[in-house]
Protein backbone atom coordinates (compact mmCIF):
# COMPACT_ATOMS: atom_id res chain seq x y z
CA MET A 1 -4.03 13.39 -24.55
CA LYS A 2 -2.80 9.57 -23.44
CA TYR A 3 -0.08 9.24 -21.00
CA SER A 4 3.23 7.20 -21.30
CA MET A 5 4.10 5.30 -18.07
CA SER A 6 7.54 5.48 -19.53
CA ASN A 7 7.60 9.33 -18.58
CA MET A 8 9.55 11.04 -15.90
CA SER A 9 9.45 14.07 -14.21
CA ILE A 10 10.26 14.99 -10.75
CA VAL A 11 6.95 16.45 -10.24
CA ASN A 12 3.42 14.94 -11.33
CA ILE A 13 0.98 17.56 -10.34
CA SER A 14 -2.53 15.78 -9.46
CA LEU A 15 -5.43 17.92 -10.26
CA PRO A 16 -9.06 16.22 -9.75
CA GLY A 17 -12.05 17.56 -9.90
CA TYR A 18 -16.10 17.43 -10.31
CA ASN A 19 -17.95 20.07 -11.68
CA ALA A 20 -15.79 23.06 -11.04
CA GLY A 21 -14.57 23.62 -15.03
CA LYS A 22 -15.62 27.44 -14.63
CA TYR A 23 -12.14 27.66 -12.69
CA LEU A 24 -10.06 25.25 -14.40
CA ARG A 25 -8.67 27.64 -16.91
CA LYS A 26 -6.56 29.82 -14.10
CA SER A 27 -5.81 26.93 -12.11
CA VAL A 28 -3.76 25.43 -15.03
CA GLU A 29 -2.62 28.60 -16.60
CA SER A 30 -1.17 29.12 -13.02
CA ILE A 31 0.77 25.82 -13.49
CA HIS A 32 1.95 26.91 -16.75
CA LYS A 33 3.88 29.94 -15.00
CA GLN A 34 5.73 27.96 -12.57
CA THR A 35 9.45 28.79 -12.27
CA ASN A 36 10.35 24.78 -12.14
CA THR A 37 9.61 23.43 -15.47
CA SER A 38 10.13 19.65 -14.84
CA SER A 39 6.09 18.66 -14.20
CA GLU A 40 3.52 17.05 -15.96
CA LEU A 41 -0.06 17.64 -14.74
CA PHE A 42 -2.74 14.88 -15.26
CA ILE A 43 -6.13 16.63 -15.23
CA ILE A 44 -8.54 13.82 -13.78
CA ASP A 45 -12.67 14.66 -13.94
CA ASP A 46 -14.75 13.22 -12.07
CA GLY A 47 -17.54 12.44 -13.68
CA SER A 48 -18.22 16.45 -14.57
CA THR A 49 -21.54 17.17 -16.15
CA ASP A 50 -21.16 21.28 -16.33
CA GLY A 51 -19.55 20.74 -19.51
CA ARG A 52 -16.72 23.26 -18.36
CA ILE A 53 -13.34 21.48 -19.24
CA ASP A 54 -14.10 20.93 -22.78
CA PHE A 55 -11.14 23.38 -24.06
CA LEU A 56 -8.79 20.97 -22.87
CA ILE A 57 -9.57 18.37 -25.98
CA HIS A 58 -7.49 21.33 -28.09
CA VAL A 59 -4.55 21.50 -25.39
CA THR A 60 -1.55 20.32 -27.53
CA ASP A 61 0.75 20.59 -24.46
CA GLY A 62 2.57 17.15 -24.04
CA ARG A 63 3.09 17.70 -19.98
CA ILE A 64 -0.69 17.83 -19.50
CA TYR A 65 -3.04 14.92 -19.97
CA LEU A 66 -7.03 15.01 -19.45
CA MET A 67 -8.49 11.46 -18.09
CA LYS A 68 -12.44 11.42 -17.56
CA ARG A 69 -13.17 8.70 -14.98
CA ASN A 70 -17.17 7.73 -13.44
CA HIS A 71 -18.39 9.92 -10.34
CA SER A 72 -16.13 8.25 -7.59
CA TYR A 73 -13.97 10.71 -6.02
CA ILE A 74 -12.15 8.95 -3.63
CA ALA A 75 -11.11 5.95 -6.30
CA THR A 76 -9.59 9.18 -8.56
CA LEU A 77 -7.70 10.38 -5.77
CA ASN A 78 -6.00 7.15 -5.55
CA TYR A 79 -6.68 7.00 -9.50
CA GLY A 80 -4.05 10.01 -9.19
CA PHE A 81 -1.78 8.30 -6.98
CA SER A 82 -1.73 4.99 -9.10
CA ILE A 83 -0.71 6.92 -12.49
CA SER A 84 2.04 9.07 -11.25
CA CYS A 85 5.65 7.90 -11.48
CA GLY A 86 7.80 11.01 -10.94
CA LYS A 87 9.71 11.19 -8.16
CA CYS A 88 6.79 13.21 -5.93
CA ILE A 89 2.93 14.34 -6.26
CA ALA A 90 1.68 17.47 -5.97
CA ARG A 91 -1.86 17.81 -5.48
CA MET A 92 -4.42 20.83 -5.91
CA ASP A 93 -8.08 21.43 -6.72
CA PHE A 94 -9.67 22.56 -10.13
CA ASP A 95 -10.89 25.89 -8.55
CA ASN A 96 -6.78 26.74 -6.89
CA LYS A 97 -4.13 28.88 -8.57
CA MET A 98 -0.11 28.23 -7.90
CA PHE A 99 1.62 30.64 -7.15
CA PRO A 100 4.96 30.99 -9.71
CA ALA A 101 7.66 29.47 -7.28
CA ARG A 102 5.16 26.81 -5.95
CA LEU A 103 6.96 23.80 -7.10
CA GLY A 104 10.49 25.08 -7.45
CA GLU A 105 10.62 26.24 -3.79
CA GLN A 106 8.74 22.79 -2.52
CA VAL A 107 11.16 21.27 -4.68
CA THR A 108 14.37 22.47 -3.22
CA VAL A 109 13.35 21.47 -0.04
CA PHE A 110 12.27 18.06 -1.39
CA GLU A 111 15.62 17.65 -3.05
CA ALA A 112 17.25 18.56 0.16
CA ASP A 113 16.46 16.09 2.81
CA LYS A 114 15.19 12.70 1.58
CA ASP A 115 13.99 11.63 5.24
CA ILE A 116 11.55 13.88 4.77
CA MET A 117 8.33 13.09 3.23
CA ILE A 118 5.77 15.09 2.88
CA TYR A 119 5.84 18.74 2.40
CA VAL A 120 3.64 21.95 2.67
CA SER A 121 3.38 25.90 2.81
CA TYR A 122 0.96 28.66 3.78
CA MET A 123 -1.61 29.64 1.59
CA LYS A 124 -3.85 32.55 0.68
CA ARG A 125 -7.56 33.06 -0.07
CA MET A 126 -8.31 34.37 -3.56
CA GLY A 127 -9.53 37.79 -3.24
CA GLY A 128 -8.73 38.42 0.11
CA GLU A 129 -5.18 38.93 2.17
CA ASN A 130 -6.42 35.96 4.51
CA VAL A 131 -3.54 33.22 4.74
CA TYR A 132 -4.23 30.09 6.06
CA ASP A 133 -0.85 30.09 8.71
CA SER A 134 -0.69 27.19 11.48
CA GLY A 135 2.12 29.53 12.59
CA LEU A 136 4.64 26.88 12.44
CA ARG A 137 7.90 26.26 10.05
CA GLY A 138 10.66 24.00 8.89
CA THR A 139 10.91 20.47 10.16
CA ILE A 140 7.69 19.17 12.25
CA GLY A 141 7.91 15.54 13.59
CA LEU A 142 6.46 13.24 15.86
CA PHE A 143 2.86 15.49 15.17
CA ALA A 144 -0.01 12.66 15.71
CA ASN A 145 -0.35 14.98 18.75
CA THR A 146 -1.10 18.33 16.66
CA LEU A 147 -3.37 16.46 14.61
CA LEU A 148 -6.15 16.42 17.64
CA LEU A 149 -6.04 20.01 17.35
CA SER A 150 -6.02 20.91 13.92
CA ASN A 151 -5.01 19.40 10.42
CA LEU A 152 -1.90 21.07 10.03
CA ILE A 153 -1.43 19.64 6.43
CA VAL A 154 -3.83 21.09 3.73
CA TYR A 155 -3.63 18.46 0.59
CA LEU A 156 -4.40 21.71 -2.00
CA ILE A 157 -0.45 22.59 -1.33
CA VAL A 158 1.23 19.07 -0.40
CA ILE A 159 3.74 17.07 -2.22
CA ILE A 160 4.63 13.86 -1.57
CA ARG A 161 7.43 11.32 -2.25
CA MET A 162 5.67 8.80 -4.57
CA ASP A 163 8.46 6.53 -3.15
CA TYR A 164 6.97 6.75 0.49
CA LEU A 165 3.59 6.37 -0.72
CA ARG A 166 4.49 3.41 -2.51
CA THR A 167 6.18 1.18 -0.04
CA SER A 168 3.76 2.38 2.82
CA GLN A 169 1.24 1.61 0.72
CA LEU A 170 -1.14 4.46 1.79
CA ASN A 171 -3.95 5.39 -0.19
CA TYR A 172 -7.16 7.59 0.71
CA GLN A 173 -10.04 5.29 2.60
CA LEU A 174 -13.60 5.24 1.11
CA GLU A 175 -15.13 4.93 5.33
CA TYR A 176 -13.48 8.71 5.48
CA ILE A 177 -14.46 10.48 2.74
CA TYR A 178 -14.90 14.07 2.95
CA ALA A 179 -11.98 14.03 5.29
CA GLU A 180 -9.63 11.78 3.12
CA GLY A 181 -6.65 13.65 3.67
CA HIS A 182 -7.08 14.40 7.29
CA ASN A 183 -6.54 10.31 7.40
CA LEU A 184 -3.92 9.95 5.45
CA TRP A 185 -1.82 12.80 7.20
CA ALA A 186 -3.00 10.18 10.89
CA GLU A 187 -1.60 7.44 9.14
CA VAL A 188 1.64 9.13 8.11
CA ALA A 189 2.08 11.05 12.02
CA CYS A 190 1.26 6.92 13.62
CA LEU A 191 4.07 5.67 11.68
CA GLY A 192 6.25 8.26 13.01
CA GLU A 193 6.95 10.14 10.03
CA VAL A 194 8.02 13.92 9.88
CA PHE A 195 6.95 16.81 7.43
CA TYR A 196 7.74 20.33 6.30
CA ILE A 197 6.37 23.82 6.20
CA ILE A 198 7.46 26.29 3.95
CA SER A 199 6.61 29.37 6.26
CA LYS A 200 5.19 31.10 2.99
CA SER A 201 1.72 31.40 0.64
CA LEU A 202 2.54 29.67 -2.57
CA LEU A 203 -1.08 28.81 -3.77
CA GLU A 204 -4.37 30.70 -3.78
CA TYR A 205 -7.72 28.97 -2.73
CA TYR A 206 -11.19 29.84 -3.59
CA ILE A 207 -14.34 29.08 -1.06
CA SER A 208 -16.23 28.15 -3.57
CA GLU A 209 -20.13 26.69 -3.91
CA VAL A 210 -18.67 23.09 -4.84
CA GLN A 211 -16.24 22.58 -2.11
CA VAL A 212 -16.61 19.48 0.21
CA SER A 213 -16.06 22.07 3.14
CA CYS A 214 -19.37 23.49 2.30
CA VAL A 215 -21.19 20.91 0.43
CA HIS A 216 -20.47 18.37 3.12
CA ASN A 217 -19.55 20.32 5.99
CA LEU A 218 -21.53 18.37 8.67
CA GLN A 219 -20.08 14.91 7.27
CA GLN A 220 -16.55 16.48 7.21
CA CYS A 221 -16.85 17.97 10.82
CA GLU A 222 -18.02 14.33 12.26
CA THR A 223 -15.31 12.57 10.23
CA ALA A 224 -12.52 14.31 11.43
CA GLY A 225 -14.06 13.86 14.58
CA ARG A 226 -13.52 10.15 13.85
CA ILE A 227 -10.35 10.91 13.09
CA ARG A 228 -9.12 12.82 16.00
CA ASN A 229 -10.80 10.38 18.20
CA GLU A 230 -8.71 7.17 16.36
CA THR A 231 -5.53 9.12 16.74
CA LEU A 232 -5.94 9.58 20.20
CA ASN A 233 -6.48 5.70 20.88
CA PHE A 234 -3.01 5.35 19.12
CA LEU A 235 -1.34 7.66 21.10
CA ILE A 236 -2.76 6.15 24.51
CA LYS A 237 -1.94 2.58 23.29
CA ASN A 238 1.55 3.83 22.54
CA CYS A 239 2.26 5.43 25.73
CA LEU A 240 1.15 2.64 27.48
CA LYS A 241 3.31 0.44 25.62
CA ASN A 242 5.84 2.79 26.49
CA VAL A 243 5.09 2.46 30.30
CA LEU A 244 5.18 -1.23 30.51
CA LEU A 245 8.64 -1.19 28.17
CA ILE A 246 10.17 1.08 30.77
């Protein structure tokens, strides 16, 4: 599966993963069932050793591309950004399943308002009724302060405007590994951007043994705490600057 940079679609789906191949077939099947068909799928294997992705070698769908890399998760995530040339990039993991309307609904709001850079939705836990639901909906502006309480933007269900990522030179940072998405959203928030929440579940997620939140929970919590402190310092400095200008 070779990718030509001349290809162009509305959505590029970046699907990186490490040793979670036993879930991947269902994930790919859910992408095939999307009502929005103007998409391409980049499956980026981050040096897996479980041998569970070999079935992809025989996949002939011209919209699916398989890339194999040495194990370096942050570099693999940024590689997904670098090869995407669609209008937006959608993120998910090996062990997720999209509901059929996910891309269609997100692209509808994406096309409707070009001032919004990030689009998310609620999501549902696989095999249960639990829904990850922030209680918010619609356009959310000046959200740096809300990140002090919780990370409202779950990377599994996000789509981002690619021209914005490139213009702002935003990437995942190695020093924030295990909470790299949280840090990316904090950077976006501190730039004064807004995001949009679709108030319905558009993805199912597993609680699996290979998830970062399970394997590296302590490091994730420590890094998230550091991001909150940095965001708070930004807000304090910004507030003081505004007071001095009055």
